[in-house]
PDB file of all heavy atoms in Angstrom:
ATOM      1  N   ALA A   1     101.669 103.376  74.889  1.00  0.00           N
ATOM      2  CA  ALA A   1     102.963 103.874  74.469  1.00  0.00           C
ATOM      3  C   ALA A   1     102.857 104.399  73.044  1.00  0.00           C
ATOM      4  O   ALA A   1     101.964 103.995  72.288  1.00  0.00           O
ATOM      5  CB  ALA A   1     104.007 102.767  74.553  1.00  0.00           C
ATOM      6  N   PRO A   2     103.759 105.295  72.638  1.00  0.00           N
ATOM      7  CA  PRO A   2     103.714 105.817  71.272  1.00  0.00           C
ATOM      8  C   PRO A   2     103.749 104.706  70.230  1.00  0.00           C
ATOM      9  O   PRO A   2     104.598 103.820  70.293  1.00  0.00           O
ATOM     10  CB  PRO A   2     104.967 106.693  71.189  1.00  0.00           C
ATOM     11  CG  PRO A   2     105.223 107.109  72.599  1.00  0.00           C
ATOM     12  CD  PRO A   2     104.829 105.919  73.430  1.00  0.00           C
ATOM     13  N   GLY A   3     102.819 104.745  69.296  1.00  0.00           N
ATOM     14  CA  GLY A   3     102.756 103.761  68.241  1.00  0.00           C
ATOM     15  C   GLY A   3     102.221 102.407  68.653  1.00  0.00           C
ATOM     16  O   GLY A   3     102.242 101.472  67.846  1.00  0.00           O
ATOM     17  N   LYS A   4     101.738 102.292  69.879  1.00  0.00           N
ATOM     18  CA  LYS A   4     101.240 101.022  70.384  1.00  0.00           C
ATOM     19  C   LYS A   4      99.750 101.104  70.685  1.00  0.00           C
ATOM     20  O   LYS A   4      99.196 102.185  70.881  1.00  0.00           O
ATOM     21  CB  LYS A   4     101.981 100.622  71.662  1.00  0.00           C
ATOM     22  CG  LYS A   4     103.486 100.503  71.521  1.00  0.00           C
ATOM     23  CD  LYS A   4     103.874  99.276  70.736  1.00  0.00           C
ATOM     24  CE  LYS A   4     105.382  99.083  70.753  1.00  0.00           C
ATOM     25  NZ  LYS A   4     105.789  97.874  70.001  1.00  0.00           N
ATOM     26  N   GLU A   5      99.110  99.947  70.722  1.00  0.00           N
ATOM     27  CA  GLU A   5      97.717  99.883  71.148  1.00  0.00           C
ATOM     28  C   GLU A   5      97.602 100.133  72.642  1.00  0.00           C
ATOM     29  O   GLU A   5      98.538  99.886  73.407  1.00  0.00           O
ATOM     30  CB  GLU A   5      97.123  98.503  70.843  1.00  0.00           C
ATOM     31  CG  GLU A   5      96.764  98.258  69.409  1.00  0.00           C
ATOM     32  CD  GLU A   5      96.010  96.958  69.232  1.00  0.00           C
ATOM     33  OE1 GLU A   5      95.064  96.700  70.018  1.00  0.00           O
ATOM     34  OE2 GLU A   5      96.361  96.199  68.333  1.00  0.00           O
ATOM     35  N   ARG A   6      96.452 100.613  73.050  1.00  0.00           N
ATOM     36  CA  ARG A   6      96.164 100.737  74.467  1.00  0.00           C
ATOM     37  C   ARG A   6      96.145  99.354  75.105  1.00  0.00           C
ATOM     38  O   ARG A   6      95.531  98.427  74.582  1.00  0.00           O
ATOM     39  CB  ARG A   6      94.829 101.450  74.664  1.00  0.00           C
ATOM     40  CG  ARG A   6      94.512 101.796  76.104  1.00  0.00           C
ATOM     41  CD  ARG A   6      93.273 102.658  76.178  1.00  0.00           C
ATOM     42  NE  ARG A   6      92.119 101.977  75.617  1.00  0.00           N
ATOM     43  CZ  ARG A   6      90.953 102.565  75.377  1.00  0.00           C
ATOM     44  NH1 ARG A   6      90.796 103.857  75.633  1.00  0.00           N
ATOM     45  NH2 ARG A   6      89.958 101.865  74.862  1.00  0.00           N
ATOM     46  N   GLU A   7      96.802  99.215  76.245  1.00  0.00           N
ATOM     47  CA  GLU A   7      97.017  97.925  76.879  1.00  0.00           C
ATOM     48  C   GLU A   7      96.446  97.915  78.292  1.00  0.00           C
ATOM     49  O   GLU A   7      96.688  98.834  79.079  1.00  0.00           O
ATOM     50  CB  GLU A   7      98.513  97.609  76.924  1.00  0.00           C
ATOM     51  CG  GLU A   7      98.870  96.294  77.595  1.00  0.00           C
ATOM     52  CD  GLU A   7     100.367  96.112  77.753  1.00  0.00           C
ATOM     53  OE1 GLU A   7     101.109  97.113  77.692  1.00  0.00           O
ATOM     54  OE2 GLU A   7     100.803  94.958  77.931  1.00  0.00           O
ATOM     55  N   PHE A   8      95.739  96.870  78.622  1.00  0.00           N
ATOM     56  CA  PHE A   8      95.216  96.704  79.977  1.00  0.00           C
ATOM     57  C   PHE A   8      96.346  96.400  80.948  1.00  0.00           C
ATOM     58  O   PHE A   8      97.206  95.562  80.671  1.00  0.00           O
ATOM     59  CB  PHE A   8      94.188  95.577  80.014  1.00  0.00           C
ATOM     60  CG  PHE A   8      93.699  95.258  81.394  1.00  0.00           C
ATOM     61  CD1 PHE A   8      92.836  96.117  82.055  1.00  0.00           C
ATOM     62  CD2 PHE A   8      94.104  94.102  82.038  1.00  0.00           C
ATOM     63  CE1 PHE A   8      92.387  95.833  83.329  1.00  0.00           C
ATOM     64  CE2 PHE A   8      93.653  93.809  83.312  1.00  0.00           C
ATOM     65  CZ  PHE A   8      92.795  94.681  83.952  1.00  0.00           C
ATOM     66  N   VAL A   9      96.323  97.062  82.112  1.00  0.00           N
ATOM     67  CA  VAL A   9      97.344  96.872  83.129  1.00  0.00           C
ATOM     68  C   VAL A   9      96.784  96.110  84.327  1.00  0.00           C
ATOM     69  O   VAL A   9      97.259  95.030  84.671  1.00  0.00           O
ATOM     70  CB  VAL A   9      97.929  98.224  83.589  1.00  0.00           C
ATOM     71  CG1 VAL A   9      98.949  98.005  84.707  1.00  0.00           C
ATOM     72  CG2 VAL A   9      98.567  98.951  82.414  1.00  0.00           C
ATOM     73  N   ALA A  10      95.784  96.664  84.978  1.00  0.00           N
ATOM     74  CA  ALA A  10      95.223  96.060  86.185  1.00  0.00           C
ATOM     75  C   ALA A  10      93.892  96.709  86.504  1.00  0.00           C
ATOM     76  O   ALA A  10      93.624  97.845  86.096  1.00  0.00           O
ATOM     77  CB  ALA A  10      96.179  96.210  87.372  1.00  0.00           C
ATOM     78  N   ALA A  11      93.059  95.999  87.255  1.00  0.00           N
ATOM     79  CA  ALA A  11      91.780  96.547  87.689  1.00  0.00           C
ATOM     80  C   ALA A  11      91.387  95.916  89.011  1.00  0.00           C
ATOM     81  O   ALA A  11      91.946  94.887  89.418  1.00  0.00           O
ATOM     82  CB  ALA A  11      90.694  96.309  86.638  1.00  0.00           C
ATOM     83  N   ILE A  12      90.405  96.526  89.665  1.00  0.00           N
ATOM     84  CA  ILE A  12      89.994  96.052  90.982  1.00  0.00           C
ATOM     85  C   ILE A  12      88.522  96.343  91.210  1.00  0.00           C
ATOM     86  O   ILE A  12      88.009  97.398  90.815  1.00  0.00           O
ATOM     87  CB  ILE A  12      90.879  96.690  92.085  1.00  0.00           C
ATOM     88  CG1 ILE A  12      90.673  96.001  93.426  1.00  0.00           C
ATOM     89  CG2 ILE A  12      90.639  98.198  92.187  1.00  0.00           C
ATOM     90  CD1 ILE A  12      91.776  96.331  94.431  1.00  0.00           C
ATOM     91  N   ASN A  13      87.845  95.395  91.824  1.00  0.00           N
ATOM     92  CA  ASN A  13      86.475  95.599  92.275  1.00  0.00           C
ATOM     93  C   ASN A  13      86.505  96.451  93.538  1.00  0.00           C
ATOM     94  O   ASN A  13      87.210  96.134  94.497  1.00  0.00           O
ATOM     95  CB  ASN A  13      85.817  94.242  92.543  1.00  0.00           C
ATOM     96  CG  ASN A  13      84.459  94.355  93.192  1.00  0.00           C
ATOM     97  OD1 ASN A  13      84.346  94.414  94.410  1.00  0.00           O
ATOM     98  ND2 ASN A  13      83.424  94.408  92.368  1.00  0.00           N
ATOM     99  N   MET A  14      85.763  97.550  93.534  1.00  0.00           N
ATOM    100  CA  MET A  14      85.875  98.504  94.622  1.00  0.00           C
ATOM    101  C   MET A  14      85.309  97.978  95.929  1.00  0.00           C
ATOM    102  O   MET A  14      85.857  98.251  96.997  1.00  0.00           O
ATOM    103  CB  MET A  14      85.189  99.815  94.249  1.00  0.00           C
ATOM    104  CG  MET A  14      85.889 100.582  93.140  1.00  0.00           C
ATOM    105  SD  MET A  14      87.547 101.137  93.623  1.00  0.00           S
ATOM    106  CE  MET A  14      87.134 102.486  94.742  1.00  0.00           C
ATOM    107  N   ALA A  15      84.227  97.234  95.879  1.00  0.00           N
ATOM    108  CA  ALA A  15      83.607  96.753  97.104  1.00  0.00           C
ATOM    109  C   ALA A  15      84.429  95.657  97.767  1.00  0.00           C
ATOM    110  O   ALA A  15      84.712  95.718  98.965  1.00  0.00           O
ATOM    111  CB  ALA A  15      82.193  96.254  96.820  1.00  0.00           C
ATOM    112  N   ALA A  16      84.817  94.654  96.993  1.00  0.00           N
ATOM    113  CA  ALA A  16      85.496  93.494  97.552  1.00  0.00           C
ATOM    114  C   ALA A  16      87.011  93.613  97.541  1.00  0.00           C
ATOM    115  O   ALA A  16      87.689  92.897  98.278  1.00  0.00           O
ATOM    116  CB  ALA A  16      85.083  92.237  96.809  1.00  0.00           C
ATOM    117  N   GLY A  17      87.560  94.492  96.710  1.00  0.00           N
ATOM    118  CA  GLY A  17      88.995  94.620  96.583  1.00  0.00           C
ATOM    119  C   GLY A  17      89.648  93.500  95.805  1.00  0.00           C
ATOM    120  O   GLY A  17      90.857  93.266  95.955  1.00  0.00           O
ATOM    121  N   THR A  18      88.895  92.798  94.991  1.00  0.00           N
ATOM    122  CA  THR A  18      89.422  91.688  94.210  1.00  0.00           C
ATOM    123  C   THR A  18      90.170  92.216  92.986  1.00  0.00           C
ATOM    124  O   THR A  18      89.585  92.919  92.165  1.00  0.00           O
ATOM    125  CB  THR A  18      88.294  90.755  93.758  1.00  0.00           C
ATOM    126  OG1 THR A  18      87.542  90.336  94.903  1.00  0.00           O
ATOM    127  CG2 THR A  18      88.857  89.534  93.057  1.00  0.00           C
ATOM    128  N   PRO A  19      91.463  91.891  92.851  1.00  0.00           N
ATOM    129  CA  PRO A  19      92.251  92.425  91.740  1.00  0.00           C
ATOM    130  C   PRO A  19      92.240  91.528  90.513  1.00  0.00           C
ATOM    131  O   PRO A  19      91.957  90.329  90.592  1.00  0.00           O
ATOM    132  CB  PRO A  19      93.656  92.494  92.325  1.00  0.00           C
ATOM    133  CG  PRO A  19      93.712  91.304  93.240  1.00  0.00           C
ATOM    134  CD  PRO A  19      92.315  91.150  93.808  1.00  0.00           C
ATOM    135  N   TYR A  20      92.583  92.120  89.384  1.00  0.00           N
ATOM    136  CA  TYR A  20      92.770  91.403  88.137  1.00  0.00           C
ATOM    137  C   TYR A  20      93.899  92.085  87.386  1.00  0.00           C
ATOM    138  O   TYR A  20      93.930  93.314  87.289  1.00  0.00           O
ATOM    139  CB  TYR A  20      91.480  91.409  87.312  1.00  0.00           C
ATOM    140  CG  TYR A  20      91.589  90.717  85.980  1.00  0.00           C
ATOM    141  CD1 TYR A  20      91.747  89.339  85.907  1.00  0.00           C
ATOM    142  CD2 TYR A  20      91.536  91.441  84.790  1.00  0.00           C
ATOM    143  CE1 TYR A  20      91.851  88.703  84.690  1.00  0.00           C
ATOM    144  CE2 TYR A  20      91.636  90.810  83.567  1.00  0.00           C
ATOM    145  CZ  TYR A  20      91.792  89.441  83.521  1.00  0.00           C
ATOM    146  OH  TYR A  20      91.888  88.806  82.315  1.00  0.00           O
ATOM    147  N   TYR A  21      94.837  91.288  86.827  1.00  0.00           N
ATOM    148  CA  TYR A  21      96.032  91.845  86.222  1.00  0.00           C
ATOM    149  C   TYR A  21      96.192  91.429  84.775  1.00  0.00           C
ATOM    150  O   TYR A  21      95.868  90.289  84.403  1.00  0.00           O
ATOM    151  CB  TYR A  21      97.281  91.399  86.983  1.00  0.00           C
ATOM    152  CG  TYR A  21      97.349  91.917  88.391  1.00  0.00           C
ATOM    153  CD1 TYR A  21      96.964  91.132  89.469  1.00  0.00           C
ATOM    154  CD2 TYR A  21      97.791  93.214  88.644  1.00  0.00           C
ATOM    155  CE1 TYR A  21      97.026  91.616  90.763  1.00  0.00           C
ATOM    156  CE2 TYR A  21      97.856  93.704  89.939  1.00  0.00           C
ATOM    157  CZ  TYR A  21      97.472  92.901  90.994  1.00  0.00           C
ATOM    158  OH  TYR A  21      97.532  93.390  92.275  1.00  0.00           O
ATOM    159  N   GLY A  22      96.704  92.355  83.977  1.00  0.00           N
ATOM    160  CA  GLY A  22      97.138  92.015  82.646  1.00  0.00           C
ATOM    161  C   GLY A  22      98.462  91.273  82.689  1.00  0.00           C
ATOM    162  O   GLY A  22      99.178  91.279  83.695  1.00  0.00           O
ATOM    163  N   ASP A  23      98.802  90.630  81.574  1.00  0.00           N
ATOM    164  CA  ASP A  23     100.010  89.813  81.536  1.00  0.00           C
ATOM    165  C   ASP A  23     101.271  90.606  81.860  1.00  0.00           C
ATOM    166  O   ASP A  23     102.175  90.099  82.528  1.00  0.00           O
ATOM    167  CB  ASP A  23     100.157  89.158  80.163  1.00  0.00           C
ATOM    168  CG  ASP A  23      99.128  88.075  79.918  1.00  0.00           C
ATOM    169  OD1 ASP A  23      98.538  87.571  80.893  1.00  0.00           O
ATOM    170  OD2 ASP A  23      98.919  87.718  78.743  1.00  0.00           O
ATOM    171  N   SER A  24     101.358  91.839  81.395  1.00  0.00           N
ATOM    172  CA  SER A  24     102.554  92.636  81.611  1.00  0.00           C
ATOM    173  C   SER A  24     102.744  93.041  83.066  1.00  0.00           C
ATOM    174  O   SER A  24     103.853  93.381  83.473  1.00  0.00           O
ATOM    175  CB  SER A  24     102.528  93.885  80.729  1.00  0.00           C
ATOM    176  OG  SER A  24     101.450  94.730  81.077  1.00  0.00           O
ATOM    177  N   ALA A  25     101.665  93.014  83.844  1.00  0.00           N
ATOM    178  CA  ALA A  25     101.707  93.474  85.223  1.00  0.00           C
ATOM    179  C   ALA A  25     101.903  92.355  86.234  1.00  0.00           C
ATOM    180  O   ALA A  25     102.334  92.621  87.362  1.00  0.00           O
ATOM    181  CB  ALA A  25     100.426  94.230  85.560  1.00  0.00           C
ATOM    182  N   LYS A  26     101.597  91.143  85.853  1.00  0.00           N
ATOM    183  CA  LYS A  26     101.623  90.025  86.787  1.00  0.00           C
ATOM    184  C   LYS A  26     103.005  89.840  87.399  1.00  0.00           C
ATOM    185  O   LYS A  26     104.004  89.782  86.697  1.00  0.00           O
ATOM    186  CB  LYS A  26     101.183  88.744  86.086  1.00  0.00           C
ATOM    187  CG  LYS A  26      99.717  88.734  85.693  1.00  0.00           C
ATOM    188  CD  LYS A  26      99.366  87.481  84.913  1.00  0.00           C
ATOM    189  CE  LYS A  26      97.909  87.495  84.486  1.00  0.00           C
ATOM    190  NZ  LYS A  26      97.569  86.319  83.641  1.00  0.00           N
ATOM    191  N   GLY A  27     103.042  89.768  88.719  1.00  0.00           N
ATOM    192  CA  GLY A  27     104.286  89.553  89.439  1.00  0.00           C
ATOM    193  C   GLY A  27     105.081  90.799  89.714  1.00  0.00           C
ATOM    194  O   GLY A  27     106.042  90.751  90.490  1.00  0.00           O
ATOM    195  N   ARG A  28     104.725  91.923  89.107  1.00  0.00           N
ATOM    196  CA  ARG A  28     105.463  93.167  89.300  1.00  0.00           C
ATOM    197  C   ARG A  28     104.619  94.304  89.858  1.00  0.00           C
ATOM    198  O   ARG A  28     105.138  95.142  90.595  1.00  0.00           O
ATOM    199  CB  ARG A  28     106.086  93.636  87.983  1.00  0.00           C
ATOM    200  CG  ARG A  28     107.103  92.681  87.388  1.00  0.00           C
ATOM    201  CD  ARG A  28     107.837  93.326  86.223  1.00  0.00           C
ATOM    202  NE  ARG A  28     106.911  93.695  85.150  1.00  0.00           N
ATOM    203  CZ  ARG A  28     106.905  94.881  84.547  1.00  0.00           C
ATOM    204  NH1 ARG A  28     107.761  95.824  84.911  1.00  0.00           N
ATOM    205  NH2 ARG A  28     106.038  95.126  83.563  1.00  0.00           N
ATOM    206  N   PHE A  29     103.351  94.354  89.479  1.00  0.00           N
ATOM    207  CA  PHE A  29     102.479  95.452  89.882  1.00  0.00           C
ATOM    208  C   PHE A  29     101.448  94.957  90.888  1.00  0.00           C
ATOM    209  O   PHE A  29     101.024  93.797  90.851  1.00  0.00           O
ATOM    210  CB  PHE A  29     101.739  96.029  88.678  1.00  0.00           C
ATOM    211  CG  PHE A  29     102.601  96.672  87.622  1.00  0.00           C
ATOM    212  CD1 PHE A  29     103.979  96.727  87.738  1.00  0.00           C
ATOM    213  CD2 PHE A  29     102.009  97.233  86.502  1.00  0.00           C
ATOM    214  CE1 PHE A  29     104.766  97.315  86.766  1.00  0.00           C
ATOM    215  CE2 PHE A  29     102.780  97.830  85.522  1.00  0.00           C
ATOM    216  CZ  PHE A  29     104.152  97.873  85.649  1.00  0.00           C
ATOM    217  N   THR A  30     101.030  95.854  91.770  1.00  0.00           N
ATOM    218  CA  THR A  30      99.984  95.546  92.737  1.00  0.00           C
ATOM    219  C   THR A  30      98.954  96.664  92.734  1.00  0.00           C
ATOM    220  O   THR A  30      99.303  97.828  92.932  1.00  0.00           O
ATOM    221  CB  THR A  30     100.561  95.387  94.149  1.00  0.00           C
ATOM    222  OG1 THR A  30     101.541  94.344  94.160  1.00  0.00           O
ATOM    223  CG2 THR A  30      99.447  95.031  95.131  1.00  0.00           C
ATOM    224  N   ILE A  31      97.708  96.299  92.500  1.00  0.00           N
ATOM    225  CA  ILE A  31      96.632  97.279  92.531  1.00  0.00           C
ATOM    226  C   ILE A  31      95.906  97.174  93.865  1.00  0.00           C
ATOM    227  O   ILE A  31      95.730  96.089  94.412  1.00  0.00           O
ATOM    228  CB  ILE A  31      95.665  97.104  91.343  1.00  0.00           C
ATOM    229  CG1 ILE A  31      94.680  98.276  91.250  1.00  0.00           C
ATOM    230  CG2 ILE A  31      94.934  95.764  91.406  1.00  0.00           C
ATOM    231  CD1 ILE A  31      93.908  98.323  89.945  1.00  0.00           C
ATOM    232  N   SER A  32      95.486  98.316  94.387  1.00  0.00           N
ATOM    233  CA  SER A  32      94.749  98.352  95.634  1.00  0.00           C
ATOM    234  C   SER A  32      93.761  99.509  95.588  1.00  0.00           C
ATOM    235  O   SER A  32      93.826 100.352  94.690  1.00  0.00           O
ATOM    236  CB  SER A  32      95.691  98.493  96.836  1.00  0.00           C
ATOM    237  OG  SER A  32      96.461  99.677  96.745  1.00  0.00           O
ATOM    238  N   ARG A  33      92.849  99.538  96.545  1.00  0.00           N
ATOM    239  CA  ARG A  33      91.876 100.614  96.567  1.00  0.00           C
ATOM    240  C   ARG A  33      91.562 101.035  97.992  1.00  0.00           C
ATOM    241  O   ARG A  33      91.722 100.271  98.934  1.00  0.00           O
ATOM    242  CB  ARG A  33      90.590 100.237  95.823  1.00  0.00           C
ATOM    243  CG  ARG A  33      89.445  99.653  96.677  1.00  0.00           C
ATOM    244  CD  ARG A  33      89.667  98.271  97.110  1.00  0.00           C
ATOM    245  NE  ARG A  33      88.520  97.654  97.761  1.00  0.00           N
ATOM    246  CZ  ARG A  33      88.492  97.344  99.041  1.00  0.00           C
ATOM    247  NH1 ARG A  33      89.537  97.598  99.824  1.00  0.00           N
ATOM    248  NH2 ARG A  33      87.426  96.735  99.543  1.00  0.00           N
ATOM    249  N   ASP A  34      91.106 102.260  98.132  1.00  0.00           N
ATOM    250  CA  ASP A  34      90.575 102.791  99.368  1.00  0.00           C
ATOM    251  C   ASP A  34      89.166 103.264  99.044  1.00  0.00           C
ATOM    252  O   ASP A  34      88.981 104.337  98.468  1.00  0.00           O
ATOM    253  CB  ASP A  34      91.446 103.940  99.888  1.00  0.00           C
ATOM    254  CG  ASP A  34      91.018 104.437 101.250  1.00  0.00           C
ATOM    255  OD1 ASP A  34      89.824 104.335 101.584  1.00  0.00           O
ATOM    256  OD2 ASP A  34      91.881 104.945 101.985  1.00  0.00           O
ATOM    257  N   LEU A  35      88.179 102.464  99.398  1.00  0.00           N
ATOM    258  CA  LEU A  35      86.800 102.776  99.035  1.00  0.00           C
ATOM    259  C   LEU A  35      86.297 104.025  99.758  1.00  0.00           C
ATOM    260  O   LEU A  35      85.520 104.794  99.189  1.00  0.00           O
ATOM    261  CB  LEU A  35      85.896 101.579  99.334  1.00  0.00           C
ATOM    262  CG  LEU A  35      84.428 101.705  98.925  1.00  0.00           C
ATOM    263  CD1 LEU A  35      84.302 101.987  97.436  1.00  0.00           C
ATOM    264  CD2 LEU A  35      83.666 100.436  99.292  1.00  0.00           C
ATOM    265  N   VAL A  36      86.741 104.235 100.983  1.00  0.00           N
ATOM    266  CA  VAL A  36      86.316 105.411 101.741  1.00  0.00           C
ATOM    267  C   VAL A  36      86.757 106.687 101.034  1.00  0.00           C
ATOM    268  O   VAL A  36      86.009 107.662 100.958  1.00  0.00           O
ATOM    269  CB  VAL A  36      86.853 105.362 103.178  1.00  0.00           C
ATOM    270  CG1 VAL A  36      86.564 106.673 103.908  1.00  0.00           C
ATOM    271  CG2 VAL A  36      86.246 104.190 103.925  1.00  0.00           C
ATOM    272  N   LYS A  37      87.978 106.686 100.514  1.00  0.00           N
ATOM    273  CA  LYS A  37      88.523 107.852  99.831  1.00  0.00           C
ATOM    274  C   LYS A  37      88.262 107.849  98.330  1.00  0.00           C
ATOM    275  O   LYS A  37      88.669 108.787  97.639  1.00  0.00           O
ATOM    276  CB  LYS A  37      90.020 107.963 100.090  1.00  0.00           C
ATOM    277  CG  LYS A  37      90.372 108.204 101.542  1.00  0.00           C
ATOM    278  CD  LYS A  37      91.875 108.326 101.733  1.00  0.00           C
ATOM    279  CE  LYS A  37      92.232 108.610 103.167  1.00  0.00           C
ATOM    280  NZ  LYS A  37      93.703 108.729 103.360  1.00  0.00           N
ATOM    281  N   ASN A  38      87.624 106.809  97.814  1.00  0.00           N
ATOM    282  CA  ASN A  38      87.373 106.673  96.376  1.00  0.00           C
ATOM    283  C   ASN A  38      88.666 106.756  95.570  1.00  0.00           C
ATOM    284  O   ASN A  38      88.746 107.450  94.558  1.00  0.00           O
ATOM    285  CB  ASN A  38      86.375 107.720  95.888  1.00  0.00           C
ATOM    286  CG  ASN A  38      84.996 107.553  96.481  1.00  0.00           C
ATOM    287  OD1 ASN A  38      84.571 106.434  96.770  1.00  0.00           O
ATOM    288  ND2 ASN A  38      84.280 108.651  96.650  1.00  0.00           N
ATOM    289  N   MET A  39      89.663 106.020  96.026  1.00  0.00           N
ATOM    290  CA  MET A  39      90.964 106.039  95.372  1.00  0.00           C
ATOM    291  C   MET A  39      91.403 104.638  94.976  1.00  0.00           C
ATOM    292  O   MET A  39      91.065 103.650  95.645  1.00  0.00           O
ATOM    293  CB  MET A  39      92.019 106.670  96.278  1.00  0.00           C
ATOM    294  CG  MET A  39      91.784 108.132  96.576  1.00  0.00           C
ATOM    295  SD  MET A  39      93.136 108.884  97.511  1.00  0.00           S
ATOM    296  CE  MET A  39      94.432 108.915  96.257  1.00  0.00           C
ATOM    297  N   VAL A  40      92.150 104.575  93.895  1.00  0.00           N
ATOM    298  CA  VAL A  40      92.771 103.353  93.420  1.00  0.00           C
ATOM    299  C   VAL A  40      94.250 103.625  93.199  1.00  0.00           C
ATOM    300  O   VAL A  40      94.619 104.682  92.692  1.00  0.00           O
ATOM    301  CB  VAL A  40      92.115 102.854  92.120  1.00  0.00           C
ATOM    302  CG1 VAL A  40      92.862 101.656  91.555  1.00  0.00           C
ATOM    303  CG2 VAL A  40      90.666 102.472  92.372  1.00  0.00           C
ATOM    304  N   PHE A  41      95.083 102.666  93.560  1.00  0.00           N
ATOM    305  CA  PHE A  41      96.521 102.787  93.439  1.00  0.00           C
ATOM    306  C   PHE A  41      97.067 101.620  92.632  1.00  0.00           C
ATOM    307  O   PHE A  41      96.519 100.526  92.650  1.00  0.00           O
ATOM    308  CB  PHE A  41      97.193 102.773  94.814  1.00  0.00           C
ATOM    309  CG  PHE A  41      96.581 103.726  95.794  1.00  0.00           C
ATOM    310  CD1 PHE A  41      95.498 103.344  96.572  1.00  0.00           C
ATOM    311  CD2 PHE A  41      97.090 105.000  95.944  1.00  0.00           C
ATOM    312  CE1 PHE A  41      94.933 104.216  97.481  1.00  0.00           C
ATOM    313  CE2 PHE A  41      96.536 105.890  96.854  1.00  0.00           C
ATOM    314  CZ  PHE A  41      95.453 105.497  97.619  1.00  0.00           C
ATOM    315  N   VAL A  42      98.151 101.858  91.934  1.00  0.00           N
ATOM    316  CA  VAL A  42      98.900 100.762  91.358  1.00  0.00           C
ATOM    317  C   VAL A  42     100.374 100.973  91.695  1.00  0.00           C
ATOM    318  O   VAL A  42     100.977 101.979  91.321  1.00  0.00           O
ATOM    319  CB  VAL A  42      98.664 100.594  89.842  1.00  0.00           C
ATOM    320  CG1 VAL A  42      99.026 101.841  89.046  1.00  0.00           C
ATOM    321  CG2 VAL A  42      99.422  99.376  89.322  1.00  0.00           C
ATOM    322  N   GLU A  43     100.924 100.036  92.461  1.00  0.00           N
ATOM    323  CA  GLU A  43     102.340 100.048  92.800  1.00  0.00           C
ATOM    324  C   GLU A  43     103.087  99.254  91.743  1.00  0.00           C
ATOM    325  O   GLU A  43     102.799  98.080  91.546  1.00  0.00           O
ATOM    326  CB  GLU A  43     102.564  99.446  94.183  1.00  0.00           C
ATOM    327  CG  GLU A  43     104.013  99.422  94.617  1.00  0.00           C
ATOM    328  CD  GLU A  43     104.227  98.739  95.953  1.00  0.00           C
ATOM    329  OE1 GLU A  43     103.253  98.240  96.545  1.00  0.00           O
ATOM    330  OE2 GLU A  43     105.378  98.707  96.421  1.00  0.00           O
ATOM    331  N   MET A  44     104.012  99.900  91.072  1.00  0.00           N
ATOM    332  CA  MET A  44     104.731  99.303  89.967  1.00  0.00           C
ATOM    333  C   MET A  44     106.178  99.102  90.379  1.00  0.00           C
ATOM    334  O   MET A  44     106.887 100.072  90.669  1.00  0.00           O
ATOM    335  CB  MET A  44     104.622 100.186  88.724  1.00  0.00           C
ATOM    336  CG  MET A  44     103.181 100.515  88.347  1.00  0.00           C
ATOM    337  SD  MET A  44     103.030 101.406  86.772  1.00  0.00           S
ATOM    338  CE  MET A  44     103.861 102.932  87.193  1.00  0.00           C
ATOM    339  N   ASN A  45     106.609  97.860  90.395  1.00  0.00           N
ATOM    340  CA  ASN A  45     107.956  97.499  90.794  1.00  0.00           C
ATOM    341  C   ASN A  45     108.722  96.895  89.625  1.00  0.00           C
ATOM    342  O   ASN A  45     108.131  96.462  88.634  1.00  0.00           O
ATOM    343  CB  ASN A  45     107.919  96.504  91.957  1.00  0.00           C
ATOM    344  CG  ASN A  45     107.218  97.049  93.172  1.00  0.00           C
ATOM    345  OD1 ASN A  45     107.540  98.141  93.645  1.00  0.00           O
ATOM    346  ND2 ASN A  45     106.254  96.299  93.698  1.00  0.00           N
ATOM    347  N   SER A  46     110.049  96.849  89.757  1.00  0.00           N
ATOM    348  CA  SER A  46     110.920  96.270  88.727  1.00  0.00           C
ATOM    349  C   SER A  46     110.597  96.842  87.354  1.00  0.00           C
ATOM    350  O   SER A  46     110.449  96.114  86.367  1.00  0.00           O
ATOM    351  CB  SER A  46     110.799  94.747  88.724  1.00  0.00           C
ATOM    352  OG  SER A  46     111.148  94.208  89.983  1.00  0.00           O
ATOM    353  N   LEU A  47     110.506  98.142  87.280  1.00  0.00           N
ATOM    354  CA  LEU A  47     110.080  98.795  86.047  1.00  0.00           C
ATOM    355  C   LEU A  47     111.100  98.620  84.932  1.00  0.00           C
ATOM    356  O   LEU A  47     112.307  98.587  85.173  1.00  0.00           O
ATOM    357  CB  LEU A  47     109.826 100.274  86.299  1.00  0.00           C
ATOM    358  CG  LEU A  47     108.509 100.574  87.025  1.00  0.00           C
ATOM    359  CD1 LEU A  47     108.510 101.988  87.574  1.00  0.00           C
ATOM    360  CD2 LEU A  47     107.324 100.371  86.082  1.00  0.00           C
TER     361      LEU A  47
END
């Protein structure tokens, strides 16, 4: 955000699909991946 440090949101291991979330994302965001399509998604709720 403007005037703010870069902040970690979420990440995922592509092979296993194991997610990891930053504090701001926990309980609201969901990360997922499609390894066949080489895509990663983050669904952000309650914004």
